[in-house]
Amino acid sequence: MQILIDADACPVVIREILYRAAQKRELRLTLFANQSFQVPASPLISLYQVAKGPDMADHEIAARVSPGDLVITADIPLASEVLEKGALVVTPRGERYTENNIRQRLQMRDFMETMRASGEHTGGPPPLNQTDRKTFADQLDRILTQAARKT
């Protein structure tokens, strides 16, 4: 298992949780972003900088993901694509996307996009709070523990 992160929209605090988990469990972690930023000096952690442009990181993640990998993203179309490839998906808030809930999430996303296109101001998600961080860390621990048991 490797961890792939859609890093442009991933909060720093969540990336830091992932850095610690990758080091502790000796897992390869790759961040995909269209901007450069510091990552810990580790042979396990790398930053892959993609070209500027919409969905460039998403395309790179989708091209590199393998069955059993873990992808961290809030991007619902990317989540759907990597689920089809047999990967696991968790949002930075700790919500796990599955084959059972992704269709509903895609429909809601499309509905909200239609609302915004008609001029409706829908607002964005609330800021990440301590509960979100804990939910994410707990979900990550469950997934990594289950993966370790399978090997």
C-alpha atoms as a PDB file:
ATOM      1  CA  MET A   1       0.000   0.000   0.000  1.00  0.00           C
ATOM      2  CA  GLN A   2       1.098   3.494  -0.750  1.00  0.00           C
ATOM      3  CA  ILE A   3      -0.604   6.778   0.142  1.00  0.00           C
ATOM      4  CA  LEU A   4      -1.293   9.346  -2.578  1.00  0.00           C
ATOM      5  CA  ILE A   5      -2.447  12.830  -1.595  1.00  0.00           C
ATOM      6  CA  ASP A   6      -4.298  15.408  -3.647  1.00  0.00           C
ATOM      7  CA  ALA A   7      -2.207  18.005  -1.846  1.00  0.00           C
ATOM      8  CA  ASP A   8      -3.310  21.356  -3.263  1.00  0.00           C
ATOM      9  CA  ALA A   9      -6.523  21.313  -1.225  1.00  0.00           C
ATOM     10  CA  CYS A  10      -5.261  19.182   1.674  1.00  0.00           C
ATOM     11  CA  PRO A  11      -4.852  21.190   4.887  1.00  0.00           C
ATOM     12  CA  VAL A  12      -1.336  21.347   6.340  1.00  0.00           C
ATOM     13  CA  VAL A  13      -2.478  19.765   9.621  1.00  0.00           C
ATOM     14  CA  ILE A  14      -3.797  16.726   7.718  1.00  0.00           C
ATOM     15  CA  ARG A  15      -0.575  16.454   5.713  1.00  0.00           C
ATOM     16  CA  GLU A  16       1.360  16.449   9.002  1.00  0.00           C
ATOM     17  CA  ILE A  17      -0.777  13.572  10.331  1.00  0.00           C
ATOM     18  CA  LEU A  18      -0.037  11.694   7.108  1.00  0.00           C
ATOM     19  CA  TYR A  19       3.723  12.364   7.334  1.00  0.00           C
ATOM     20  CA  ARG A  20       3.816  10.864  10.836  1.00  0.00           C
ATOM     21  CA  ALA A  21       1.731   7.856   9.798  1.00  0.00           C
ATOM     22  CA  ALA A  22       3.925   7.154   6.756  1.00  0.00           C
ATOM     23  CA  GLN A  23       7.082   7.286   8.870  1.00  0.00           C
ATOM     24  CA  LYS A  24       5.643   5.189  11.689  1.00  0.00           C
ATOM     25  CA  ARG A  25       4.250   2.483   9.398  1.00  0.00           C
ATOM     26  CA  GLU A  26       7.023   2.736   6.812  1.00  0.00           C
ATOM     27  CA  LEU A  27       4.666   3.484   3.933  1.00  0.00           C
ATOM     28  CA  ARG A  28       5.451   5.337   0.745  1.00  0.00           C
ATOM     29  CA  LEU A  29       3.620   8.688   0.626  1.00  0.00           C
ATOM     30  CA  THR A  30       3.445  10.899  -2.468  1.00  0.00           C
ATOM     31  CA  LEU A  31       1.895  14.346  -2.541  1.00  0.00           C
ATOM     32  CA  PHE A  32       0.639  15.665  -5.891  1.00  0.00           C
ATOM     33  CA  ALA A  33       0.369  19.447  -6.229  1.00  0.00           C
ATOM     34  CA  ASN A  34       0.756  22.209  -8.794  1.00  0.00           C
ATOM     35  CA  GLN A  35       2.782  24.263  -6.338  1.00  0.00           C
ATOM     36  CA  SER A  36       5.937  23.462  -4.433  1.00  0.00           C
ATOM     37  CA  PHE A  37       6.120  23.267  -0.638  1.00  0.00           C
ATOM     38  CA  GLN A  38       8.361  21.691   1.971  1.00  0.00           C
ATOM     39  CA  VAL A  39       7.957  18.035   2.853  1.00  0.00           C
ATOM     40  CA  PRO A  40       9.930  16.140   5.489  1.00  0.00           C
ATOM     41  CA  ALA A  41      13.301  14.825   4.386  1.00  0.00           C
ATOM     42  CA  SER A  42      12.527  11.133   4.144  1.00  0.00           C
ATOM     43  CA  PRO A  43      13.026   8.433   1.526  1.00  0.00           C
ATOM     44  CA  LEU A  44       9.356   7.513   2.120  1.00  0.00           C
ATOM     45  CA  ILE A  45       7.870  10.956   1.402  1.00  0.00           C
ATOM     46  CA  SER A  46       7.958  12.766  -1.934  1.00  0.00           C
ATOM     47  CA  LEU A  47       6.315  15.703  -3.648  1.00  0.00           C
ATOM     48  CA  TYR A  48       5.345  15.349  -7.291  1.00  0.00           C
ATOM     49  CA  GLN A  49       4.775  18.780  -8.778  1.00  0.00           C
ATOM     50  CA  VAL A  50       2.339  18.709 -11.707  1.00  0.00           C
ATOM     51  CA  ALA A  51       1.870  21.338 -14.396  1.00  0.00           C
ATOM     52  CA  LYS A  52      -0.429  24.239 -13.605  1.00  0.00           C
ATOM     53  CA  GLY A  53      -3.981  23.717 -14.721  1.00  0.00           C
ATOM     54  CA  PRO A  54      -7.290  22.304 -13.557  1.00  0.00           C
ATOM     55  CA  ASP A  55      -7.294  18.679 -12.451  1.00  0.00           C
ATOM     56  CA  MET A  56      -3.629  18.050 -13.356  1.00  0.00           C
ATOM     57  CA  ALA A  57      -2.914  16.510  -9.933  1.00  0.00           C
ATOM     58  CA  ASP A  58      -6.106  14.437 -10.216  1.00  0.00           C
ATOM     59  CA  HIS A  59      -5.029  13.031 -13.581  1.00  0.00           C
ATOM     60  CA  GLU A  60      -1.585  12.120 -12.243  1.00  0.00           C
ATOM     61  CA  ILE A  61      -3.029  10.405  -9.165  1.00  0.00           C
ATOM     62  CA  ALA A  62      -5.502   8.439 -11.305  1.00  0.00           C
ATOM     63  CA  ALA A  63      -2.654   7.337 -13.591  1.00  0.00           C
ATOM     64  CA  ARG A  64      -0.451   6.152 -10.705  1.00  0.00           C
ATOM     65  CA  VAL A  65      -2.917   4.584  -8.269  1.00  0.00           C
ATOM     66  CA  SER A  66      -2.971   0.811  -7.823  1.00  0.00           C
ATOM     67  CA  PRO A  67      -5.472  -1.517  -6.156  1.00  0.00           C
ATOM     68  CA  GLY A  68      -5.154  -1.341  -2.376  1.00  0.00           C
ATOM     69  CA  ASP A  69      -3.558   2.127  -2.338  1.00  0.00           C
ATOM     70  CA  LEU A  70      -4.990   4.895  -0.171  1.00  0.00           C
ATOM     71  CA  VAL A  71      -5.898   8.219  -1.785  1.00  0.00           C
ATOM     72  CA  ILE A  72      -6.578  11.342   0.278  1.00  0.00           C
ATOM     73  CA  THR A  73      -8.829  13.739  -1.625  1.00  0.00           C
ATOM     74  CA  ALA A  74     -12.007  15.764  -1.329  1.00  0.00           C
ATOM     75  CA  ASP A  75     -12.432  15.653  -5.122  1.00  0.00           C
ATOM     76  CA  ILE A  76     -15.465  13.470  -5.747  1.00  0.00           C
ATOM     77  CA  PRO A  77     -14.837  12.652  -9.445  1.00  0.00           C
ATOM     78  CA  LEU A  78     -11.252  11.645  -8.583  1.00  0.00           C
ATOM     79  CA  ALA A  79     -12.543   9.552  -5.689  1.00  0.00           C
ATOM     80  CA  SER A  80     -14.938   7.762  -8.048  1.00  0.00           C
ATOM     81  CA  GLU A  81     -12.161   7.054 -10.528  1.00  0.00           C
ATOM     82  CA  VAL A  82      -9.735   5.636  -7.961  1.00  0.00           C
ATOM     83  CA  LEU A  83     -12.472   3.535  -6.344  1.00  0.00           C
ATOM     84  CA  GLU A  84     -13.026   1.933  -9.766  1.00  0.00           C
ATOM     85  CA  LYS A  85      -9.320   1.019  -9.745  1.00  0.00           C
ATOM     86  CA  GLY A  86      -9.635  -0.753  -6.398  1.00  0.00           C
ATOM     87  CA  ALA A  87      -8.080   1.930  -4.189  1.00  0.00           C
ATOM     88  CA  LEU A  88      -9.360   3.282  -0.879  1.00  0.00           C
ATOM     89  CA  VAL A  89     -10.420   6.930  -0.558  1.00  0.00           C
ATOM     90  CA  VAL A  90     -10.655   9.205   2.487  1.00  0.00           C
ATOM     91  CA  THR A  91     -11.378  12.929   2.545  1.00  0.00           C
ATOM     92  CA  PRO A  92      -9.267  15.300   4.652  1.00  0.00           C
ATOM     93  CA  ARG A  93     -12.234  15.393   7.060  1.00  0.00           C
ATOM     94  CA  GLY A  94     -12.099  11.624   7.543  1.00  0.00           C
ATOM     95  CA  GLU A  95     -15.097  10.618   5.431  1.00  0.00           C
ATOM     96  CA  ARG A  96     -14.507   7.359   3.631  1.00  0.00           C
ATOM     97  CA  TYR A  97     -15.810   7.166   0.083  1.00  0.00           C
ATOM     98  CA  THR A  98     -16.956   3.692  -0.951  1.00  0.00           C
ATOM     99  CA  GLU A  99     -18.721   2.030  -3.837  1.00  0.00           C
ATOM    100  CA  ASN A 100     -21.888   2.343  -1.722  1.00  0.00           C
ATOM    101  CA  ASN A 101     -21.813   6.126  -1.244  1.00  0.00           C
ATOM    102  CA  ILE A 102     -19.870   7.602  -4.171  1.00  0.00           C
ATOM    103  CA  ARG A 103     -22.809   7.735  -6.602  1.00  0.00           C
ATOM    104  CA  GLN A 104     -24.844   9.786  -4.115  1.00  0.00           C
ATOM    105  CA  ARG A 105     -21.873  12.134  -3.566  1.00  0.00           C
ATOM    106  CA  LEU A 106     -21.475  12.595  -7.326  1.00  0.00           C
ATOM    107  CA  GLN A 107     -25.174  13.408  -7.710  1.00  0.00           C
ATOM    108  CA  MET A 108     -25.028  15.963  -4.875  1.00  0.00           C
ATOM    109  CA  ARG A 109     -21.882  17.508  -6.354  1.00  0.00           C
ATOM    110  CA  ASP A 110     -23.565  17.845  -9.755  1.00  0.00           C
ATOM    111  CA  PHE A 111     -26.677  19.345  -8.146  1.00  0.00           C
ATOM    112  CA  MET A 112     -24.604  21.915  -6.238  1.00  0.00           C
ATOM    113  CA  GLU A 113     -22.661  22.762  -9.399  1.00  0.00           C
ATOM    114  CA  THR A 114     -25.968  23.392 -11.202  1.00  0.00           C
ATOM    115  CA  MET A 115     -27.092  25.633  -8.339  1.00  0.00           C
ATOM    116  CA  ARG A 116     -23.862  27.652  -8.487  1.00  0.00           C
ATOM    117  CA  ALA A 117     -24.143  27.964 -12.283  1.00  0.00           C
ATOM    118  CA  SER A 118     -27.613  29.455 -11.848  1.00  0.00           C
ATOM    119  CA  GLY A 119     -26.193  32.165  -9.588  1.00  0.00           C
ATOM    120  CA  GLU A 120     -26.958  30.591  -6.224  1.00  0.00           C
ATOM    121  CA  HIS A 121     -24.294  31.265  -3.584  1.00  0.00           C
ATOM    122  CA  THR A 122     -23.821  27.930  -1.848  1.00  0.00           C
ATOM    123  CA  GLY A 123     -20.708  28.764   0.188  1.00  0.00           C
ATOM    124  CA  GLY A 124     -17.854  26.395   0.852  1.00  0.00           C
ATOM    125  CA  PRO A 125     -17.223  23.862   3.553  1.00  0.00           C
ATOM    126  CA  PRO A 126     -16.670  25.112   7.099  1.00  0.00           C
ATOM    127  CA  PRO A 127     -13.078  25.432   8.319  1.00  0.00           C
ATOM    128  CA  LEU A 128     -11.421  22.235   9.502  1.00  0.00           C
ATOM    129  CA  ASN A 129     -11.859  21.884  13.260  1.00  0.00           C
ATOM    130  CA  GLN A 130     -10.398  19.664  15.983  1.00  0.00           C
ATOM    131  CA  THR A 131     -13.190  17.097  15.583  1.00  0.00           C
ATOM    132  CA  ASP A 132     -12.439  16.832  11.838  1.00  0.00           C
ATOM    133  CA  ARG A 133      -8.752  16.268  12.582  1.00  0.00           C
ATOM    134  CA  LYS A 134      -9.533  13.522  15.077  1.00  0.00           C
ATOM    135  CA  THR A 135     -12.043  11.900  12.715  1.00  0.00           C
ATOM    136  CA  PHE A 136      -9.407  11.880   9.980  1.00  0.00           C
ATOM    137  CA  ALA A 137      -6.671  10.485  12.228  1.00  0.00           C
ATOM    138  CA  ASP A 138      -8.981   7.748  13.554  1.00  0.00           C
ATOM    139  CA  GLN A 139     -10.132   6.748  10.061  1.00  0.00           C
ATOM    140  CA  LEU A 140      -6.523   6.694   8.810  1.00  0.00           C
ATOM    141  CA  ASP A 141      -5.445   4.511  11.730  1.00  0.00           C
ATOM    142  CA  ARG A 142      -8.295   2.033  11.093  1.00  0.00           C
ATOM    143  CA  ILE A 143      -7.438   1.724   7.399  1.00  0.00           C
ATOM    144  CA  LEU A 144      -3.707   1.344   7.964  1.00  0.00           C
ATOM    145  CA  THR A 145      -4.220  -1.184  10.756  1.00  0.00           C
ATOM    146  CA  GLN A 146      -6.530  -3.287   8.555  1.00  0.00           C
ATOM    147  CA  ALA A 147      -4.020  -3.119   5.679  1.00  0.00           C
ATOM    148  CA  ALA A 148      -1.176  -4.215   7.976  1.00  0.00           C
ATOM    149  CA  ARG A 149      -3.192  -7.240   9.123  1.00  0.00           C
ATOM    150  CA  LYS A 150      -3.675  -8.354   5.521  1.00  0.00           C
ATOM    151  CA  THR A 151       0.076  -8.459   4.831  1.00  0.00           C
END
